[in-house]
Each structure stands twice: as structure tokens, then as C-alpha cells.
Amino acid sequence: MFVYGTLMPGERYEAVAQAAGEAVNRERATLTGHLLYDLRPEGYPALVAEGGATGQSNTVHSDTVHGWILTYSARQWPAALAHLDDLEGLHLTPPLYARTLAQAQTQAGSQTVWVYLYARPERLEQPGCVAVPPGDWTAVADRHGATPWPGEEAAPDSPA
């Protein structure tokens, strides 16, 4: 599983990514052909395939996203995947994220990974969607603030 935001090692929800079991391997990786956004006031990232959104920034935007590959044991994988799918709002209508396969690059080479892409393109055209130019969530200064779980926040275009 490629993680690029709050679930990365050292980030505020690292423990959530391990709730179904400890990742047996963590490896730094990059994902090309994708763009990373910081959503405010939500306080979490949105990853989209390049060409899939424009966002609200005129900043030069990197198409390389930095993150980690988390590998779970074969025994833990089904529970970990179900847990992460729930966390990423795949069950919501409309879904918050969609899980898809992608090619990530590590020091050892290319690896096929699951990754969660943001699934609400209309949100990316609204205020509060800011490009993360270096493609690195750790470059977002105020990324450690508390945020609601998916489905608990009001939609940006609905009354609070």
C-alpha cells in the first residue's frame, strides 16, 4: 500500500495505518504522474492522477509524490485492507477515495502498489484546495491539526 499523507510513518495517523496489524516492511517510495493537494479545512491530502484535476493553485506542481510503501503479512493483509478502505471512505456515497493500482519507485526498482486516489473532483475546484508543489506532505507546515474522520465532516458545498 502506497501512503502519502497522514498515514505515513511519523505522521499523525501512523498508528491508524497499523490498527489491523503492524506493517512488516516500510519503504520510502515515489509515485510519478500524480498530483498532491492539501485540503482545508479538512486537513488531509488529496492525490489525483495528473490531468485529473487543476486545484486552486498557480504554483508549479510536481507530478512526483513522495511517500511510503507499507507491506503487511499475508495473514494481516485482508483485515488491513478492509480497515484502510473504511478509513479512506470507500463506503461513503459518493466515495471519498478510490483504491487503484499504480507503479511506485523505490531504491530497488518499480513495484505495483495499491493507492487511494481522491474521488471528489468537484472539491478540487473549490477554495481550500492547495497544491503541494514538492509532492511531499511533510512540506505542509500545519499538517498536524486534528481532522474529522471521513463521513463526519460537512461537505464543502453543503450548509454546516
C-alpha atoms as a PDB file:
ATOM      1  CA  MET A   1       0.000   0.000   0.000  1.00  0.00           C
ATOM      2  CA  PHE A   2       1.441   3.394  -1.006  1.00  0.00           C
ATOM      3  CA  VAL A   3       0.699   6.069   1.627  1.00  0.00           C
ATOM      4  CA  TYR A   4       1.472   9.736   1.026  1.00  0.00           C
ATOM      5  CA  GLY A   5      -0.093  11.778   3.845  1.00  0.00           C
ATOM      6  CA  THR A   6      -1.360  11.383   7.374  1.00  0.00           C
ATOM      7  CA  LEU A   7      -0.787   7.574   7.366  1.00  0.00           C
ATOM      8  CA  MET A   8       2.953   7.780   6.626  1.00  0.00           C
ATOM      9  CA  PRO A   9       5.485   6.790   9.293  1.00  0.00           C
ATOM     10  CA  GLY A  10       5.986   9.762  11.606  1.00  0.00           C
ATOM     11  CA  GLU A  11       2.682  11.425  10.675  1.00  0.00           C
ATOM     12  CA  ARG A  12      -0.334  11.934  12.926  1.00  0.00           C
ATOM     13  CA  TYR A  13      -2.322   8.840  11.866  1.00  0.00           C
ATOM     14  CA  GLU A  14       0.576   6.399  11.502  1.00  0.00           C
ATOM     15  CA  ALA A  15      -0.960   4.283  14.280  1.00  0.00           C
ATOM     16  CA  VAL A  16      -4.257   4.130  12.381  1.00  0.00           C
ATOM     17  CA  ALA A  17      -2.495   2.516   9.415  1.00  0.00           C
ATOM     18  CA  GLN A  18      -1.228  -0.144  11.822  1.00  0.00           C
ATOM     19  CA  ALA A  19      -4.543  -0.761  13.604  1.00  0.00           C
ATOM     20  CA  ALA A  20      -5.158  -4.007  11.717  1.00  0.00           C
ATOM     21  CA  GLY A  21      -1.588  -5.163  12.309  1.00  0.00           C
ATOM     22  CA  GLU A  22       1.969  -3.929  12.173  1.00  0.00           C
ATOM     23  CA  ALA A  23       3.339  -3.369   8.672  1.00  0.00           C
ATOM     24  CA  VAL A  24       6.104  -5.928   8.178  1.00  0.00           C
ATOM     25  CA  ASN A  25       8.013  -3.599   5.874  1.00  0.00           C
ATOM     26  CA  ARG A  26       8.107   0.167   5.355  1.00  0.00           C
ATOM     27  CA  GLU A  27       9.975   1.532   2.376  1.00  0.00           C
ATOM     28  CA  ARG A  28      10.306   5.065   1.027  1.00  0.00           C
ATOM     29  CA  ALA A  29       8.898   5.393  -2.481  1.00  0.00           C
ATOM     30  CA  THR A  30       7.726   7.861  -5.110  1.00  0.00           C
ATOM     31  CA  LEU A  31       4.760   7.849  -7.430  1.00  0.00           C
ATOM     32  CA  THR A  32       5.044   9.736 -10.716  1.00  0.00           C
ATOM     33  CA  GLY A  33       2.204  11.025 -12.849  1.00  0.00           C
ATOM     34  CA  HIS A  34       0.184  12.115  -9.811  1.00  0.00           C
ATOM     35  CA  LEU A  35      -0.513  15.437  -8.084  1.00  0.00           C
ATOM     36  CA  LEU A  36      -0.823  16.086  -4.346  1.00  0.00           C
ATOM     37  CA  TYR A  37      -3.169  18.656  -2.786  1.00  0.00           C
ATOM     38  CA  ASP A  38      -3.735  19.886   0.764  1.00  0.00           C
ATOM     39  CA  LEU A  39      -7.462  20.213   1.527  1.00  0.00           C
ATOM     40  CA  ARG A  40      -8.529  22.893   4.027  1.00  0.00           C
ATOM     41  CA  PRO A  41     -10.346  22.956   6.343  1.00  0.00           C
ATOM     42  CA  GLU A  42     -10.385  19.150   6.085  1.00  0.00           C
ATOM     43  CA  GLY A  43      -6.659  18.894   6.907  1.00  0.00           C
ATOM     44  CA  TYR A  44      -5.845  15.846   4.817  1.00  0.00           C
ATOM     45  CA  PRO A  45      -4.275  15.278   1.404  1.00  0.00           C
ATOM     46  CA  ALA A  46      -5.882  14.534  -1.934  1.00  0.00           C
ATOM     47  CA  LEU A  47      -3.931  12.576  -4.532  1.00  0.00           C
ATOM     48  CA  VAL A  48      -5.090  12.582  -8.151  1.00  0.00           C
ATOM     49  CA  ALA A  49      -3.704  11.238 -11.383  1.00  0.00           C
ATOM     50  CA  GLU A  50      -2.046  14.000 -13.393  1.00  0.00           C
ATOM     51  CA  GLY A  51      -4.607  15.630 -15.662  1.00  0.00           C
ATOM     52  CA  GLY A  52      -7.413  14.599 -13.299  1.00  0.00           C
ATOM     53  CA  ALA A  53      -7.750  17.966 -11.537  1.00  0.00           C
ATOM     54  CA  THR A  54      -6.447  21.509 -11.525  1.00  0.00           C
ATOM     55  CA  GLY A  55      -6.940  22.653  -7.920  1.00  0.00           C
ATOM     56  CA  GLN A  56      -6.744  26.237  -6.679  1.00  0.00           C
ATOM     57  CA  SER A  57      -3.041  26.951  -7.024  1.00  0.00           C
ATOM     58  CA  ASN A  58      -0.960  28.667  -9.672  1.00  0.00           C
ATOM     59  CA  THR A  59       2.197  27.165  -8.170  1.00  0.00           C
ATOM     60  CA  VAL A  60       4.366  24.929 -10.320  1.00  0.00           C
ATOM     61  CA  HIS A  61       3.196  21.481  -9.293  1.00  0.00           C
ATOM     62  CA  SER A  62       5.409  18.399  -9.106  1.00  0.00           C
ATOM     63  CA  ASP A  63       3.993  15.232 -10.688  1.00  0.00           C
ATOM     64  CA  THR A  64       6.144  13.131  -8.355  1.00  0.00           C
ATOM     65  CA  VAL A  65       4.629  12.325  -4.977  1.00  0.00           C
ATOM     66  CA  HIS A  66       6.793  11.159  -2.074  1.00  0.00           C
ATOM     67  CA  GLY A  67       5.512   8.537   0.327  1.00  0.00           C
ATOM     68  CA  TRP A  68       5.991   5.093   1.764  1.00  0.00           C
ATOM     69  CA  ILE A  69       5.041   1.562   0.787  1.00  0.00           C
ATOM     70  CA  LEU A  70       3.573  -0.312   3.727  1.00  0.00           C
ATOM     71  CA  THR A  71       3.651  -4.085   3.363  1.00  0.00           C
ATOM     72  CA  TYR A  72       1.533  -6.274   5.636  1.00  0.00           C
ATOM     73  CA  SER A  73       1.850 -10.013   6.210  1.00  0.00           C
ATOM     74  CA  ALA A  74      -0.391 -12.281   4.142  1.00  0.00           C
ATOM     75  CA  ARG A  75      -2.336 -13.084   7.321  1.00  0.00           C
ATOM     76  CA  GLN A  76      -2.874  -9.411   8.209  1.00  0.00           C
ATOM     77  CA  TRP A  77      -3.483  -8.110   4.675  1.00  0.00           C
ATOM     78  CA  PRO A  78      -7.265  -8.791   4.361  1.00  0.00           C
ATOM     79  CA  ALA A  79      -8.019  -7.051   7.684  1.00  0.00           C
ATOM     80  CA  ALA A  80      -5.597  -4.215   6.953  1.00  0.00           C
ATOM     81  CA  LEU A  81      -7.118  -3.606   3.525  1.00  0.00           C
ATOM     82  CA  ALA A  82     -10.680  -3.605   4.893  1.00  0.00           C
ATOM     83  CA  HIS A  83      -9.613  -1.223   7.670  1.00  0.00           C
ATOM     84  CA  LEU A  84      -7.892   1.169   5.256  1.00  0.00           C
ATOM     85  CA  ASP A  85     -10.823   1.051   2.798  1.00  0.00           C
ATOM     86  CA  ASP A  86     -13.140   2.060   5.631  1.00  0.00           C
ATOM     87  CA  LEU A  87     -10.769   4.792   6.816  1.00  0.00           C
ATOM     88  CA  GLU A  88     -10.454   6.244   3.300  1.00  0.00           C
ATOM     89  CA  GLY A  89     -14.223   6.464   2.856  1.00  0.00           C
ATOM     90  CA  LEU A  90     -14.726   3.910   0.096  1.00  0.00           C
ATOM     91  CA  HIS A  91     -18.098   3.090   1.709  1.00  0.00           C
ATOM     92  CA  LEU A  92     -19.399   6.677   1.541  1.00  0.00           C
ATOM     93  CA  THR A  93     -21.815   7.921  -1.123  1.00  0.00           C
ATOM     94  CA  PRO A  94     -20.127   9.381  -3.043  1.00  0.00           C
ATOM     95  CA  PRO A  95     -16.854   7.748  -2.007  1.00  0.00           C
ATOM     96  CA  LEU A  96     -14.111   9.985  -0.617  1.00  0.00           C
ATOM     97  CA  TYR A  97     -11.283   7.976  -2.196  1.00  0.00           C
ATOM     98  CA  ALA A  98     -10.989   5.142  -4.719  1.00  0.00           C
ATOM     99  CA  ARG A  99      -8.380   2.395  -4.389  1.00  0.00           C
ATOM    100  CA  THR A 100      -6.406   1.723  -7.565  1.00  0.00           C
ATOM    101  CA  LEU A 101      -3.180   0.052  -8.677  1.00  0.00           C
ATOM    102  CA  ALA A 102      -0.142   2.163  -9.572  1.00  0.00           C
ATOM    103  CA  GLN A 103       3.599   1.794 -10.142  1.00  0.00           C
ATOM    104  CA  ALA A 104       5.753   3.188  -7.334  1.00  0.00           C
ATOM    105  CA  GLN A 105       9.515   3.607  -7.492  1.00  0.00           C
ATOM    106  CA  THR A 106      11.836   2.519  -4.681  1.00  0.00           C
ATOM    107  CA  GLN A 107      15.610   2.222  -4.493  1.00  0.00           C
ATOM    108  CA  ALA A 108      15.140  -1.408  -5.527  1.00  0.00           C
ATOM    109  CA  GLY A 109      13.061  -0.536  -8.608  1.00  0.00           C
ATOM    110  CA  SER A 110       9.434  -0.372  -9.677  1.00  0.00           C
ATOM    111  CA  GLN A 111       6.713  -2.009  -7.603  1.00  0.00           C
ATOM    112  CA  THR A 112       2.958  -2.381  -8.190  1.00  0.00           C
ATOM    113  CA  VAL A 113       1.064  -0.941  -5.221  1.00  0.00           C
ATOM    114  CA  TRP A 114      -2.434  -0.069  -4.122  1.00  0.00           C
ATOM    115  CA  VAL A 115      -3.006   3.660  -3.648  1.00  0.00           C
ATOM    116  CA  TYR A 116      -6.028   5.754  -2.668  1.00  0.00           C
ATOM    117  CA  LEU A 117      -6.907   8.491  -5.172  1.00  0.00           C
ATOM    118  CA  TYR A 118      -9.229  11.318  -4.192  1.00  0.00           C
ATOM    119  CA  ALA A 119     -12.661  10.646  -5.702  1.00  0.00           C
ATOM    120  CA  ARG A 120     -14.440  14.005  -5.412  1.00  0.00           C
ATOM    121  CA  PRO A 121     -13.078  16.101  -8.303  1.00  0.00           C
ATOM    122  CA  GLU A 122     -15.551  18.941  -7.745  1.00  0.00           C
ATOM    123  CA  ARG A 123     -13.942  19.611  -4.343  1.00  0.00           C
ATOM    124  CA  LEU A 124     -10.592  20.226  -6.029  1.00  0.00           C
ATOM    125  CA  GLU A 125     -12.056  23.234  -7.863  1.00  0.00           C
ATOM    126  CA  GLN A 126     -13.218  24.929  -4.640  1.00  0.00           C
ATOM    127  CA  PRO A 127     -11.360  27.259  -2.260  1.00  0.00           C
ATOM    128  CA  GLY A 128      -9.166  25.472   0.257  1.00  0.00           C
ATOM    129  CA  CYS A 129      -7.566  23.100  -2.252  1.00  0.00           C
ATOM    130  CA  VAL A 130      -3.874  23.987  -2.333  1.00  0.00           C
ATOM    131  CA  ALA A 131      -1.203  22.300  -4.421  1.00  0.00           C
ATOM    132  CA  VAL A 132       1.665  20.742  -2.505  1.00  0.00           C
ATOM    133  CA  PRO A 133       4.381  21.763  -5.005  1.00  0.00           C
ATOM    134  CA  PRO A 134       7.150  19.411  -3.900  1.00  0.00           C
ATOM    135  CA  GLY A 135       4.710  16.475  -3.840  1.00  0.00           C
ATOM    136  CA  ASP A 136       5.701  15.860  -0.228  1.00  0.00           C
ATOM    137  CA  TRP A 137       3.046  16.000   2.511  1.00  0.00           C
ATOM    138  CA  THR A 138       5.739  16.637   5.137  1.00  0.00           C
ATOM    139  CA  ALA A 139       6.309  20.062   3.479  1.00  0.00           C
ATOM    140  CA  VAL A 140       2.823  21.178   4.645  1.00  0.00           C
ATOM    141  CA  ALA A 141       3.570  23.267   7.747  1.00  0.00           C
ATOM    142  CA  ASP A 142       0.239  22.886   9.594  1.00  0.00           C
ATOM    143  CA  ARG A 143      -0.445  19.256   8.673  1.00  0.00           C
ATOM    144  CA  HIS A 144      -0.678  18.007  12.292  1.00  0.00           C
ATOM    145  CA  GLY A 145      -4.022  19.608  13.191  1.00  0.00           C
ATOM    146  CA  ALA A 146      -6.929  17.396  14.222  1.00  0.00           C
ATOM    147  CA  THR A 147      -9.377  16.477  11.468  1.00  0.00           C
ATOM    148  CA  PRO A 148     -12.684  14.589  11.480  1.00  0.00           C
ATOM    149  CA  TRP A 149     -12.931  11.028  10.190  1.00  0.00           C
ATOM    150  CA  PRO A 150     -14.272  10.616   6.642  1.00  0.00           C
ATOM    151  CA  GLY A 151     -18.046  10.986   6.572  1.00  0.00           C
ATOM    152  CA  GLU A 152     -18.160  13.038   9.780  1.00  0.00           C
ATOM    153  CA  GLU A 153     -17.352  16.399   8.197  1.00  0.00           C
ATOM    154  CA  ALA A 154     -19.849  18.561   6.353  1.00  0.00           C
ATOM    155  CA  ALA A 155     -19.332  18.576   2.598  1.00  0.00           C
ATOM    156  CA  PRO A 156     -17.669  21.828   1.455  1.00  0.00           C
ATOM    157  CA  ASP A 157     -20.646  22.752  -0.713  1.00  0.00           C
ATOM    158  CA  SER A 158     -23.341  21.939   1.880  1.00  0.00           C
ATOM    159  CA  PRO A 159     -24.506  24.021   4.864  1.00  0.00           C
ATOM    160  CA  ALA A 160     -22.643  23.328   8.079  1.00  0.00           C
END
